Protein backbone atom coordinates (compact mmCIF):
# COMPACT_ATOMS: atom_id res chain seq x y z
CA MET A 1 59.15 -31.03 -18.74
CA THR A 2 60.96 -33.42 -16.42
CA ARG A 3 58.47 -32.71 -13.62
CA HIS A 4 55.56 -33.54 -15.93
CA LEU A 5 57.20 -36.77 -17.03
CA THR A 6 57.89 -37.74 -13.40
CA PHE A 7 54.29 -36.96 -12.49
CA ILE A 8 52.95 -39.08 -15.37
CA CYS A 9 55.25 -41.98 -14.44
CA THR A 10 54.09 -41.77 -10.83
CA LEU A 11 50.44 -41.85 -11.92
CA CYS A 12 51.09 -44.86 -14.15
CA THR A 13 52.86 -46.68 -11.32
CA LEU A 14 49.94 -45.99 -8.96
CA ALA A 15 47.44 -47.17 -11.58
CA ILE A 16 49.36 -50.41 -12.22
CA THR A 17 49.69 -51.04 -8.48
CA ALA A 18 45.96 -50.50 -7.99
CA LEU A 19 45.11 -52.84 -10.88
CA THR A 20 47.38 -55.65 -9.74
CA SER A 21 46.16 -55.45 -6.14
CA THR A 22 42.54 -55.60 -7.35
CA LEU A 23 43.22 -58.57 -9.61
CA SER A 24 44.89 -60.53 -6.81
CA LEU A 25 41.65 -60.80 -4.81
CA ALA A 26 40.42 -64.35 -4.26
CA GLN A 27 37.92 -65.57 -6.82
CA PRO A 28 34.55 -66.64 -5.37
CA SER A 29 33.93 -70.38 -5.37
CA LEU A 30 30.94 -72.15 -6.89
CA ASP A 31 29.62 -72.75 -3.35
CA ASP A 32 29.60 -68.97 -2.79
CA PHE A 33 27.19 -68.60 -5.70
CA LEU A 34 25.00 -71.56 -4.75
CA GLU A 35 24.67 -70.68 -1.07
CA GLU A 36 21.27 -69.39 0.05
CA ALA A 37 21.23 -65.71 0.88
CA THR A 38 20.46 -64.77 4.47
CA LEU A 39 17.67 -62.43 3.34
CA ARG A 40 15.25 -64.37 1.13
CA ASP A 41 12.57 -61.77 0.34
CA SER A 42 11.51 -58.30 1.39
CA LYS A 43 8.32 -56.34 0.66
CA LEU A 44 7.10 -52.91 1.70
CA SER A 45 3.41 -52.64 2.66
CA PRO A 46 1.09 -50.68 0.33
CA ASN A 47 1.02 -47.74 2.76
CA SER A 48 4.85 -47.91 3.20
CA ARG A 49 4.57 -48.23 6.97
CA TYR A 50 5.56 -51.90 7.39
CA LEU A 51 8.41 -53.98 6.01
CA ALA A 52 7.95 -57.77 5.81
CA GLN A 53 11.02 -59.95 5.31
CA VAL A 54 11.75 -63.67 4.98
CA TRP A 55 15.12 -64.74 6.43
CA ASN A 56 17.13 -67.98 6.28
CA VAL A 57 18.21 -68.81 9.85
CA ASP A 58 19.62 -72.20 10.92
CA ASP A 59 17.87 -74.33 8.22
CA ARG A 60 14.59 -72.53 8.90
CA ARG A 61 12.87 -69.49 7.51
CA ILE A 62 11.60 -66.77 9.77
CA VAL A 63 9.30 -63.92 8.85
CA THR A 64 9.73 -60.49 10.41
CA ILE A 65 7.45 -57.49 10.19
CA GLN A 66 8.89 -54.12 11.11
CA ASP A 67 6.89 -51.00 11.83
CA LEU A 68 9.01 -48.36 10.12
CA GLU A 69 7.40 -45.63 12.22
CA ALA A 70 8.48 -47.42 15.43
CA PRO A 71 11.99 -48.71 14.54
CA GLY A 72 12.65 -50.85 17.65
CA LYS A 73 9.41 -52.80 17.30
CA THR A 74 9.76 -55.99 15.20
CA ILE A 75 7.32 -58.90 15.07
CA THR A 76 8.99 -62.25 14.32
CA GLY A 77 7.25 -65.44 13.22
CA LYS A 78 8.78 -68.88 12.79
CA LEU A 79 7.23 -72.07 11.43
CA ALA A 80 7.31 -75.03 13.83
CA ASP A 81 9.58 -77.19 11.66
CA ASN A 82 11.97 -76.96 8.76
CA VAL A 83 9.82 -79.00 6.34
CA ILE A 84 7.62 -76.11 5.20
CA LEU A 85 9.65 -73.07 4.23
CA ALA A 86 8.33 -69.60 3.47
CA ARG A 87 9.54 -68.73 -0.01
CA SER A 88 8.32 -65.15 -0.35
CA VAL A 89 5.99 -62.65 1.24
CA SER A 90 3.37 -60.28 -0.18
CA TRP A 91 0.83 -57.96 1.39
CA ALA A 92 -2.91 -58.70 1.52
CA ASN A 93 -3.62 -55.14 2.69
CA SER A 94 -1.95 -52.12 4.30
CA GLU A 95 -2.19 -53.55 7.81
CA ARG A 96 0.23 -56.04 9.31
CA LYS A 97 -1.33 -58.94 7.42
CA PRO A 98 1.16 -60.33 4.95
CA SER A 99 0.44 -63.47 2.97
CA LEU A 100 3.15 -66.11 2.55
CA LEU A 101 3.98 -68.30 -0.43
CA VAL A 102 5.26 -71.54 1.10
CA ARG A 103 6.81 -74.69 -0.32
CA GLN A 104 7.82 -77.99 1.20
CA LYS A 105 11.50 -78.63 1.59
């Protein structure tokens, strides 16, 4: 009986320690929630061969197209300025021809 009680007390102590260490993590700030994500949008082509993505990089948006059958081969496109930003990407067809929805900054 004493061994069972010791075991239960040990489990309770471990559970309380785990809970208090989890609760002591820093709370995210409002800026953390309002900050733009690095990856803005991602779409798989209709034939599932290509992956188009819109990224936030240094106040600009870049568009990448990856051939999933040739992993090291990525096509990257960047608009000339940071006034017009790609908001999302969608596919016009199964080839590497995505269409972009853009907005002015």
